[in-house]
Amino acid sequence: MNEAALSVFACGAAAALIAWWFSTGAILWLLGRSRAVQRASFIGLSVAALSAMIATPLLAAQLDLAGAYLGFAAGLVIWGWHEMSFLMGYLTGPRTAPASPGARGWRRFREAAATLMHHEIALAATGVALWLLSVGQPNQMAAATFAVLWAMRLSTKLNIHWGVANLSESFLPDRLAHLKTYFRKRAMNALMPFSLAAGAALAAWFAATAFSASDAPTTAAAALLFAIAALGFAEHVFLILKLNESALWRWAMPQPRPSPSAVDALSQARIGRER
């Protein structure tokens, strides 16, 4: 890879990293705002996601650097809509109750699946729609971006259900607190090694594609996909290592409100200082 191609690769990977970090933080920040603000932001993102879906077949025919970046942005916006619809409670599943006491095995899995069934069906339908809107075209970045994000997130959900060391429960809003009862804390589960291997292989494949590409658009597209695959792999590493992933978005996370007793203690301390 020459210097120009390396620059294209670095710019693509950096752009994906910044977009992922900022979009995740924006959603977390909105979850801490009032319900009215959440509704308004969801309506705005719905318009953006619909526009991205409409633009997908047009972008699919655009094989240049702009097409690669815009296709990636379209896939990310559509993915963000699904994430927001789930976390804000608009599109989850028919079950909103905690896990049944003593539920094990298949029963526990069925109950867990019912908590997000509608969300998963919507993801599958969207993935198929994006594929149909771009199949046979030279630029399939919107569909590919959505597919990689979907595959990595589905793997994360399954691993959390079967047990990981770091559950990252701080990302869940209060309205989805019942989901925590379907999580399992354990050092490792049987799926995790395969998830790590698949994530690493996917990232490596995108990197190899970028390094062997003969044109800038292909290099940029592969770099963008490499970055999100690598981020998905990193997310799985966070699950098995007790690292504080939420520190990456401390600026966006809602601050916990002090308890009444803490407020009283602060008031007494202030009065004491004034005396």
C-alpha atoms as a PDB file:
ATOM      1  CA  MET A   1       0.000   0.000   0.000  1.00  0.00           C
ATOM      2  CA  ASN A   2       1.453   3.350  -1.046  1.00  0.00           C
ATOM      3  CA  GLU A   3       1.365   6.519   1.003  1.00  0.00           C
ATOM      4  CA  ALA A   4      -1.788   7.869  -0.685  1.00  0.00           C
ATOM      5  CA  ALA A   5      -3.693   4.627  -0.113  1.00  0.00           C
ATOM      6  CA  LEU A   6      -2.502   4.502   3.495  1.00  0.00           C
ATOM      7  CA  SER A   7      -3.865   8.021   3.989  1.00  0.00           C
ATOM      8  CA  VAL A   8      -7.229   6.981   2.541  1.00  0.00           C
ATOM      9  CA  PHE A   9      -7.306   3.971   4.875  1.00  0.00           C
ATOM     10  CA  ALA A  10      -6.387   6.048   7.951  1.00  0.00           C
ATOM     11  CA  CYS A  11      -9.006   8.692   7.131  1.00  0.00           C
ATOM     12  CA  GLY A  12     -11.715   6.056   6.667  1.00  0.00           C
ATOM     13  CA  ALA A  13     -10.895   4.246   9.908  1.00  0.00           C
ATOM     14  CA  ALA A  14     -10.704   7.515  11.853  1.00  0.00           C
ATOM     15  CA  ALA A  15     -14.003   8.742  10.409  1.00  0.00           C
ATOM     16  CA  ALA A  16     -15.761   5.528  11.425  1.00  0.00           C
ATOM     17  CA  LEU A  17     -14.287   5.700  14.930  1.00  0.00           C
ATOM     18  CA  ILE A  18     -15.373   9.316  15.445  1.00  0.00           C
ATOM     19  CA  ALA A  19     -18.853   8.677  14.013  1.00  0.00           C
ATOM     20  CA  TRP A  20     -19.328   5.628  16.270  1.00  0.00           C
ATOM     21  CA  TRP A  21     -18.114   7.444  19.385  1.00  0.00           C
ATOM     22  CA  PHE A  22     -20.148  10.580  18.812  1.00  0.00           C
ATOM     23  CA  SER A  23     -23.385   8.876  17.682  1.00  0.00           C
ATOM     24  CA  THR A  24     -23.308   6.506  20.680  1.00  0.00           C
ATOM     25  CA  GLY A  25     -22.693   9.422  23.015  1.00  0.00           C
ATOM     26  CA  ALA A  26     -25.496  11.462  21.438  1.00  0.00           C
ATOM     27  CA  ILE A  27     -28.011   8.664  22.055  1.00  0.00           C
ATOM     28  CA  LEU A  28     -26.825   8.226  25.652  1.00  0.00           C
ATOM     29  CA  TRP A  29     -27.067  11.980  26.191  1.00  0.00           C
ATOM     30  CA  LEU A  30     -30.628  12.062  24.846  1.00  0.00           C
ATOM     31  CA  LEU A  31     -31.631   9.209  27.177  1.00  0.00           C
ATOM     32  CA  GLY A  32     -30.901  11.547  30.070  1.00  0.00           C
ATOM     33  CA  ARG A  33     -33.151  14.312  28.742  1.00  0.00           C
ATOM     34  CA  SER A  34     -36.891  14.816  29.250  1.00  0.00           C
ATOM     35  CA  ARG A  35     -39.406  12.608  27.480  1.00  0.00           C
ATOM     36  CA  ALA A  36     -40.463  15.550  25.294  1.00  0.00           C
ATOM     37  CA  VAL A  37     -36.880  16.057  24.096  1.00  0.00           C
ATOM     38  CA  GLN A  38     -36.582  12.328  23.444  1.00  0.00           C
ATOM     39  CA  ARG A  39     -39.761  12.312  21.349  1.00  0.00           C
ATOM     40  CA  ALA A  40     -38.636  15.310  19.309  1.00  0.00           C
ATOM     41  CA  SER A  41     -35.201  13.801  18.691  1.00  0.00           C
ATOM     42  CA  PHE A  42     -36.740  10.461  17.738  1.00  0.00           C
ATOM     43  CA  ILE A  43     -39.008  12.132  15.199  1.00  0.00           C
ATOM     44  CA  GLY A  44     -36.020  13.972  13.742  1.00  0.00           C
ATOM     45  CA  LEU A  45     -33.960  10.790  13.508  1.00  0.00           C
ATOM     46  CA  SER A  46     -36.932   8.969  11.961  1.00  0.00           C
ATOM     47  CA  VAL A  47     -36.986  11.525   9.156  1.00  0.00           C
ATOM     48  CA  ALA A  48     -33.230  11.146   8.704  1.00  0.00           C
ATOM     49  CA  ALA A  49     -33.433   7.341   8.656  1.00  0.00           C
ATOM     50  CA  LEU A  50     -36.290   7.372   6.127  1.00  0.00           C
ATOM     51  CA  SER A  51     -34.269   9.753   3.955  1.00  0.00           C
ATOM     52  CA  ALA A  52     -31.289   7.409   4.209  1.00  0.00           C
ATOM     53  CA  MET A  53     -33.428   4.457   3.093  1.00  0.00           C
ATOM     54  CA  ILE A  54     -34.733   6.439   0.111  1.00  0.00           C
ATOM     55  CA  ALA A  55     -31.203   7.525  -0.799  1.00  0.00           C
ATOM     56  CA  THR A  56     -29.755   3.995  -0.569  1.00  0.00           C
ATOM     57  CA  PRO A  57     -30.522   2.888  -4.166  1.00  0.00           C
ATOM     58  CA  LEU A  58     -29.131   6.188  -5.470  1.00  0.00           C
ATOM     59  CA  LEU A  59     -25.955   5.811  -3.425  1.00  0.00           C
ATOM     60  CA  ALA A  60     -25.620   2.173  -4.507  1.00  0.00           C
ATOM     61  CA  ALA A  61     -24.890   3.335  -8.036  1.00  0.00           C
ATOM     62  CA  GLN A  62     -22.262   5.867  -6.878  1.00  0.00           C
ATOM     63  CA  LEU A  63     -18.843   4.226  -6.918  1.00  0.00           C
ATOM     64  CA  ASP A  64     -16.488   6.919  -5.619  1.00  0.00           C
ATOM     65  CA  LEU A  65     -15.106   8.194  -2.321  1.00  0.00           C
ATOM     66  CA  ALA A  66     -18.208  10.269  -1.597  1.00  0.00           C
ATOM     67  CA  GLY A  67     -20.410   7.250  -2.292  1.00  0.00           C
ATOM     68  CA  ALA A  68     -18.426   5.114   0.174  1.00  0.00           C
ATOM     69  CA  TYR A  69     -18.707   7.677   2.963  1.00  0.00           C
ATOM     70  CA  LEU A  70     -22.339   8.550   2.272  1.00  0.00           C
ATOM     71  CA  GLY A  71     -23.307   4.871   2.107  1.00  0.00           C
ATOM     72  CA  PHE A  72     -21.600   4.310   5.446  1.00  0.00           C
ATOM     73  CA  ALA A  73     -23.392   7.333   6.906  1.00  0.00           C
ATOM     74  CA  ALA A  74     -26.753   6.058   5.621  1.00  0.00           C
ATOM     75  CA  GLY A  75     -26.226   2.649   7.216  1.00  0.00           C
ATOM     76  CA  LEU A  76     -25.124   4.243  10.492  1.00  0.00           C
ATOM     77  CA  VAL A  77     -28.132   6.598  10.626  1.00  0.00           C
ATOM     78  CA  ILE A  78     -30.535   3.721   9.999  1.00  0.00           C
ATOM     79  CA  TRP A  79     -28.783   1.648  12.667  1.00  0.00           C
ATOM     80  CA  GLY A  80     -28.939   4.574  15.075  1.00  0.00           C
ATOM     81  CA  TRP A  81     -32.700   4.802  14.567  1.00  0.00           C
ATOM     82  CA  HIS A  82     -33.090   1.182  15.639  1.00  0.00           C
ATOM     83  CA  GLU A  83     -30.868   1.696  18.668  1.00  0.00           C
ATOM     84  CA  MET A  84     -32.804   4.779  19.729  1.00  0.00           C
ATOM     85  CA  SER A  85     -36.192   3.142  19.144  1.00  0.00           C
ATOM     86  CA  PHE A  86     -35.148   0.294  21.430  1.00  0.00           C
ATOM     87  CA  LEU A  87     -33.479   2.265  24.211  1.00  0.00           C
ATOM     88  CA  MET A  88     -36.332   4.793  24.318  1.00  0.00           C
ATOM     89  CA  GLY A  89     -38.844   1.948  24.593  1.00  0.00           C
ATOM     90  CA  TYR A  90     -40.674   2.498  21.304  1.00  0.00           C
ATOM     91  CA  LEU A  91     -39.740  -0.816  19.687  1.00  0.00           C
ATOM     92  CA  THR A  92     -38.786  -3.603  22.082  1.00  0.00           C
ATOM     93  CA  GLY A  93     -40.847  -6.769  22.541  1.00  0.00           C
ATOM     94  CA  PRO A  94     -44.104  -8.133  23.941  1.00  0.00           C
ATOM     95  CA  ARG A  95     -42.563  -9.071  27.289  1.00  0.00           C
ATOM     96  CA  THR A  96     -41.763  -6.248  29.700  1.00  0.00           C
ATOM     97  CA  ALA A  97     -41.518  -8.296  32.901  1.00  0.00           C
ATOM     98  CA  PRO A  98     -38.398  -9.561  34.670  1.00  0.00           C
ATOM     99  CA  ALA A  99     -37.299 -13.156  34.189  1.00  0.00           C
ATOM    100  CA  SER A 100     -39.467 -15.719  35.925  1.00  0.00           C
ATOM    101  CA  PRO A 101     -37.943 -16.949  39.197  1.00  0.00           C
ATOM    102  CA  GLY A 102     -36.067 -20.169  38.586  1.00  0.00           C
ATOM    103  CA  ALA A 103     -36.271 -19.914  34.786  1.00  0.00           C
ATOM    104  CA  ARG A 104     -33.478 -21.925  33.181  1.00  0.00           C
ATOM    105  CA  GLY A 105     -32.357 -23.115  29.768  1.00  0.00           C
ATOM    106  CA  TRP A 106     -34.811 -22.842  26.891  1.00  0.00           C
ATOM    107  CA  ARG A 107     -37.512 -21.183  29.008  1.00  0.00           C
ATOM    108  CA  ARG A 108     -35.145 -18.414  30.087  1.00  0.00           C
ATOM    109  CA  PHE A 109     -33.999 -17.920  26.483  1.00  0.00           C
ATOM    110  CA  ARG A 110     -37.595 -17.698  25.207  1.00  0.00           C
ATOM    111  CA  GLU A 111     -38.482 -15.126  27.837  1.00  0.00           C
ATOM    112  CA  ALA A 112     -35.367 -13.102  27.033  1.00  0.00           C
ATOM    113  CA  ALA A 113     -36.101 -13.243  23.304  1.00  0.00           C
ATOM    114  CA  ALA A 114     -39.645 -11.995  23.937  1.00  0.00           C
ATOM    115  CA  THR A 115     -38.297  -8.818  25.580  1.00  0.00           C
ATOM    116  CA  LEU A 116     -36.774  -7.648  22.284  1.00  0.00           C
ATOM    117  CA  MET A 117     -38.583  -9.683  19.634  1.00  0.00           C
ATOM    118  CA  HIS A 118     -40.133  -6.720  17.810  1.00  0.00           C
ATOM    119  CA  HIS A 119     -36.770  -4.963  17.770  1.00  0.00           C
ATOM    120  CA  GLU A 120     -35.025  -7.987  16.262  1.00  0.00           C
ATOM    121  CA  ILE A 121     -37.735  -8.503  13.630  1.00  0.00           C
ATOM    122  CA  ALA A 122     -37.435  -4.848  12.630  1.00  0.00           C
ATOM    123  CA  LEU A 123     -33.650  -5.208  12.355  1.00  0.00           C
ATOM    124  CA  ALA A 124     -33.994  -8.270  10.142  1.00  0.00           C
ATOM    125  CA  ALA A 125     -36.579  -6.580   7.919  1.00  0.00           C
ATOM    126  CA  THR A 126     -34.387  -3.497   7.567  1.00  0.00           C
ATOM    127  CA  GLY A 127     -31.319  -5.570   6.726  1.00  0.00           C
ATOM    128  CA  VAL A 128     -33.217  -7.402   3.977  1.00  0.00           C
ATOM    129  CA  ALA A 129     -34.640  -4.123   2.644  1.00  0.00           C
ATOM    130  CA  LEU A 130     -31.184  -2.524   2.446  1.00  0.00           C
ATOM    131  CA  TRP A 131     -29.854  -5.570   0.640  1.00  0.00           C
ATOM    132  CA  LEU A 132     -32.708  -5.484  -1.880  1.00  0.00           C
ATOM    133  CA  LEU A 133     -32.224  -1.751  -2.437  1.00  0.00           C
ATOM    134  CA  SER A 134     -28.547  -2.185  -3.321  1.00  0.00           C
ATOM    135  CA  VAL A 135     -28.177  -5.743  -4.647  1.00  0.00           C
ATOM    136  CA  GLY A 136     -26.269  -5.924  -7.905  1.00  0.00           C
ATOM    137  CA  GLN A 137     -24.970  -2.366  -7.550  1.00  0.00           C
ATOM    138  CA  PRO A 138     -21.280  -1.408  -7.179  1.00  0.00           C
ATOM    139  CA  ASN A 139     -21.704   0.428  -3.856  1.00  0.00           C
ATOM    140  CA  GLN A 140     -23.344  -1.642  -1.126  1.00  0.00           C
ATOM    141  CA  MET A 141     -21.916   0.283   1.825  1.00  0.00           C
ATOM    142  CA  ALA A 142     -25.280   1.079   3.454  1.00  0.00           C
ATOM    143  CA  ALA A 143     -26.273  -2.594   3.553  1.00  0.00           C
ATOM    144  CA  ALA A 144     -22.773  -3.759   4.526  1.00  0.00           C
ATOM    145  CA  THR A 145     -22.457  -1.227   7.356  1.00  0.00           C
ATOM    146  CA  PHE A 146     -25.835  -2.211   8.771  1.00  0.00           C
ATOM    147  CA  ALA A 147     -25.052  -5.935   8.422  1.00  0.00           C
ATOM    148  CA  VAL A 148     -21.730  -5.686  10.287  1.00  0.00           C
ATOM    149  CA  LEU A 149     -23.259  -3.631  13.107  1.00  0.00           C
ATOM    150  CA  TRP A 150     -26.194  -6.041  13.351  1.00  0.00           C
ATOM    151  CA  ALA A 151     -24.018  -9.168  13.439  1.00  0.00           C
ATOM    152  CA  MET A 152     -21.685  -7.775  16.093  1.00  0.00           C
ATOM    153  CA  ARG A 153     -24.545  -6.521  18.265  1.00  0.00           C
ATOM    154  CA  LEU A 154     -26.454  -9.814  18.017  1.00  0.00           C
ATOM    155  CA  SER A 155     -23.325 -11.628  19.160  1.00  0.00           C
ATOM    156  CA  THR A 156     -22.996  -9.198  22.072  1.00  0.00           C
ATOM    157  CA  LYS A 157     -26.599  -9.801  23.149  1.00  0.00           C
ATOM    158  CA  LEU A 158     -26.204 -13.582  23.074  1.00  0.00           C
ATOM    159  CA  ASN A 159     -22.963 -13.454  25.038  1.00  0.00           C
ATOM    160  CA  ILE A 160     -24.493 -11.207  27.700  1.00  0.00           C
ATOM    161  CA  HIS A 161     -27.440 -13.593  27.992  1.00  0.00           C
ATOM    162  CA  TRP A 162     -25.192 -16.622  28.457  1.00  0.00           C
ATOM    163  CA  GLY A 163     -22.794 -14.861  30.784  1.00  0.00           C
ATOM    164  CA  VAL A 164     -19.889 -12.396  30.713  1.00  0.00           C
ATOM    165  CA  ALA A 165     -17.683 -10.772  33.331  1.00  0.00           C
ATOM    166  CA  ASN A 166     -18.629  -7.172  32.471  1.00  0.00           C
ATOM    167  CA  LEU A 167     -22.351  -6.660  31.836  1.00  0.00           C
ATOM    168  CA  SER A 168     -22.199  -2.883  31.087  1.00  0.00           C
ATOM    169  CA  GLU A 169     -25.537  -2.400  32.844  1.00  0.00           C
ATOM    170  CA  SER A 170     -25.005   1.352  33.170  1.00  0.00           C
ATOM    171  CA  PHE A 171     -25.990   1.806  29.523  1.00  0.00           C
ATOM    172  CA  LEU A 172     -29.548   0.600  30.119  1.00  0.00           C
ATOM    173  CA  PRO A 173     -32.177   3.263  30.893  1.00  0.00           C
ATOM    174  CA  ASP A 174     -34.590   2.738  33.781  1.00  0.00           C
ATOM    175  CA  ARG A 175     -37.430   1.775  31.445  1.00  0.00           C
ATOM    176  CA  LEU A 176     -35.438  -1.295  30.361  1.00  0.00           C
ATOM    177  CA  ALA A 177     -34.200  -2.256  33.826  1.00  0.00           C
ATOM    178  CA  HIS A 178     -36.091  -5.569  33.614  1.00  0.00           C
ATOM    179  CA  LEU A 179     -33.586  -6.723  30.974  1.00  0.00           C
ATOM    180  CA  LYS A 180     -30.910  -6.989  33.648  1.00  0.00           C
ATOM    181  CA  THR A 181     -32.688 -10.022  35.088  1.00  0.00           C
ATOM    182  CA  TYR A 182     -31.910 -11.884  31.839  1.00  0.00           C
ATOM    183  CA  PHE A 183     -28.174 -11.164  32.066  1.00  0.00           C
ATOM    184  CA  ARG A 184     -25.735 -13.613  33.594  1.00  0.00           C
ATOM    185  CA  LYS A 185     -22.417 -12.750  35.195  1.00  0.00           C
ATOM    186  CA  ARG A 186     -19.695 -15.318  34.637  1.00  0.00           C
ATOM    187  CA  ALA A 187     -16.077 -15.314  33.548  1.00  0.00           C
ATOM    188  CA  MET A 188     -16.703 -16.959  30.155  1.00  0.00           C
ATOM    189  CA  ASN A 189     -19.320 -18.766  28.103  1.00  0.00           C
ATOM    190  CA  ALA A 190     -19.029 -21.260  25.253  1.00  0.00           C
ATOM    191  CA  LEU A 191     -19.966 -18.748  22.551  1.00  0.00           C
ATOM    192  CA  MET A 192     -17.428 -16.053  23.440  1.00  0.00           C
ATOM    193  CA  PRO A 193     -14.285 -17.698  21.930  1.00  0.00           C
ATOM    194  CA  PHE A 194     -16.113 -18.129  18.620  1.00  0.00           C
ATOM    195  CA  SER A 195     -17.384 -14.535  18.741  1.00  0.00           C
ATOM    196  CA  LEU A 196     -13.867 -13.223  19.349  1.00  0.00           C
ATOM    197  CA  ALA A 197     -12.407 -15.359  16.574  1.00  0.00           C
ATOM    198  CA  ALA A 198     -15.124 -14.337  14.103  1.00  0.00           C
ATOM    199  CA  GLY A 199     -14.796 -10.653  15.001  1.00  0.00           C
ATOM    200  CA  ALA A 200     -11.023 -10.719  14.606  1.00  0.00           C
ATOM    201  CA  ALA A 201     -11.268 -12.611  11.310  1.00  0.00           C
ATOM    202  CA  LEU A 202     -13.838 -10.166   9.929  1.00  0.00           C
ATOM    203  CA  ALA A 203     -11.732  -7.138  10.870  1.00  0.00           C
ATOM    204  CA  ALA A 204      -8.628  -8.783   9.382  1.00  0.00           C
ATOM    205  CA  TRP A 205     -10.487  -9.561   6.155  1.00  0.00           C
ATOM    206  CA  PHE A 206     -11.611  -5.953   5.749  1.00  0.00           C
ATOM    207  CA  ALA A 207      -8.058  -4.756   6.468  1.00  0.00           C
ATOM    208  CA  ALA A 208      -6.642  -7.163   3.868  1.00  0.00           C
ATOM    209  CA  THR A 209      -9.235  -5.970   1.353  1.00  0.00           C
ATOM    210  CA  ALA A 210      -8.260  -2.357   1.989  1.00  0.00           C
ATOM    211  CA  PHE A 211      -4.516  -3.064   1.654  1.00  0.00           C
ATOM    212  CA  SER A 212      -4.979  -5.011  -1.582  1.00  0.00           C
ATOM    213  CA  ALA A 213      -7.455  -2.584  -3.201  1.00  0.00           C
ATOM    214  CA  SER A 214      -6.423  -0.882  -6.400  1.00  0.00           C
ATOM    215  CA  ASP A 215      -8.642   2.187  -6.052  1.00  0.00           C
ATOM    216  CA  ALA A 216      -9.415   4.762  -3.347  1.00  0.00           C
ATOM    217  CA  PRO A 217     -13.189   4.096  -3.037  1.00  0.00           C
ATOM    218  CA  THR A 218     -12.624   0.402  -2.297  1.00  0.00           C
ATOM    219  CA  THR A 219      -9.868   1.231   0.187  1.00  0.00           C
ATOM    220  CA  ALA A 220     -12.085   3.753   1.985  1.00  0.00           C
ATOM    221  CA  ALA A 221     -15.081   1.398   2.066  1.00  0.00           C
ATOM    222  CA  ALA A 222     -12.990  -1.461   3.463  1.00  0.00           C
ATOM    223  CA  ALA A 223     -11.377   0.872   6.029  1.00  0.00           C
ATOM    224  CA  LEU A 224     -14.783   2.050   7.262  1.00  0.00           C
ATOM    225  CA  LEU A 225     -15.994  -1.537   7.624  1.00  0.00           C
ATOM    226  CA  PHE A 226     -12.700  -2.591   9.221  1.00  0.00           C
ATOM    227  CA  ALA A 227     -13.137   0.081  11.891  1.00  0.00           C
ATOM    228  CA  ILE A 228     -16.634  -0.956  12.932  1.00  0.00           C
ATOM    229  CA  ALA A 229     -15.680  -4.640  12.871  1.00  0.00           C
ATOM    230  CA  ALA A 230     -12.663  -3.837  15.064  1.00  0.00           C
ATOM    231  CA  LEU A 231     -14.895  -1.823  17.392  1.00  0.00           C
ATOM    232  CA  GLY A 232     -17.286  -4.762  17.611  1.00  0.00           C
ATOM    233  CA  PHE A 233     -14.346  -7.011  18.499  1.00  0.00           C
ATOM    234  CA  ALA A 234     -13.250  -4.499  21.141  1.00  0.00           C
ATOM    235  CA  GLU A 235     -16.770  -4.475  22.582  1.00  0.00           C
ATOM    236  CA  HIS A 236     -16.509  -8.232  23.091  1.00  0.00           C
ATOM    237  CA  VAL A 237     -13.131  -7.794  24.791  1.00  0.00           C
ATOM    238  CA  PHE A 238     -14.758  -5.281  27.147  1.00  0.00           C
ATOM    239  CA  LEU A 239     -17.296  -7.970  28.052  1.00  0.00           C
ATOM    240  CA  ILE A 240     -14.656 -10.358  29.341  1.00  0.00           C
ATOM    241  CA  LEU A 241     -12.339  -7.778  30.918  1.00  0.00           C
ATOM    242  CA  LYS A 242     -13.613  -5.717  33.822  1.00  0.00           C
ATOM    243  CA  LEU A 243     -12.940  -2.389  32.122  1.00  0.00           C
ATOM    244  CA  ASN A 244     -15.115   0.679  32.589  1.00  0.00           C
ATOM    245  CA  GLU A 245     -16.365   1.110  29.020  1.00  0.00           C
ATOM    246  CA  SER A 246     -18.804   3.849  30.064  1.00  0.00           C
ATOM    247  CA  ALA A 247     -15.831   6.148  30.768  1.00  0.00           C
ATOM    248  CA  LEU A 248     -15.640   6.718  27.016  1.00  0.00           C
ATOM    249  CA  TRP A 249     -18.963   8.556  27.185  1.00  0.00           C
ATOM    250  CA  ARG A 250     -18.797  10.139  30.630  1.00  0.00           C
ATOM    251  CA  TRP A 251     -19.756  13.464  29.056  1.00  0.00           C
ATOM    252  CA  ALA A 252     -22.998  11.933  27.748  1.00  0.00           C
ATOM    253  CA  MET A 253     -24.052   9.703  30.640  1.00  0.00           C
ATOM    254  CA  PRO A 254     -26.757  11.131  32.952  1.00  0.00           C
ATOM    255  CA  GLN A 255     -25.396  12.019  36.361  1.00  0.00           C
ATOM    256  CA  PRO A 256     -26.989  10.119  39.260  1.00  0.00           C
ATOM    257  CA  ARG A 257     -29.197  12.232  41.449  1.00  0.00           C
ATOM    258  CA  PRO A 258     -28.219  12.414  45.127  1.00  0.00           C
ATOM    259  CA  SER A 259     -30.501  10.598  47.536  1.00  0.00           C
ATOM    260  CA  PRO A 260     -32.655  12.621  49.979  1.00  0.00           C
ATOM    261  CA  SER A 261     -30.315  11.654  52.817  1.00  0.00           C
ATOM    262  CA  ALA A 262     -27.340  12.896  50.817  1.00  0.00           C
ATOM    263  CA  VAL A 263     -29.145  16.161  50.091  1.00  0.00           C
ATOM    264  CA  ASP A 264     -29.849  16.597  53.816  1.00  0.00           C
ATOM    265  CA  ALA A 265     -26.206  15.920  54.633  1.00  0.00           C
ATOM    266  CA  LEU A 266     -25.061  18.478  52.074  1.00  0.00           C
ATOM    267  CA  SER A 267     -27.514  21.039  53.478  1.00  0.00           C
ATOM    268  CA  GLN A 268     -26.298  20.451  57.030  1.00  0.00           C
ATOM    269  CA  ALA A 269     -22.691  20.776  55.903  1.00  0.00           C
ATOM    270  CA  ARG A 270     -23.482  24.049  54.124  1.00  0.00           C
ATOM    271  CA  ILE A 271     -25.232  25.422  57.205  1.00  0.00           C
ATOM    272  CA  GLY A 272     -22.256  24.403  59.309  1.00  0.00           C
ATOM    273  CA  ARG A 273     -19.855  26.252  57.035  1.00  0.00           C
ATOM    274  CA  GLU A 274     -22.020  29.371  57.046  1.00  0.00           C
ATOM    275  CA  ARG A 275     -21.984  29.384  60.852  1.00  0.00           C
END
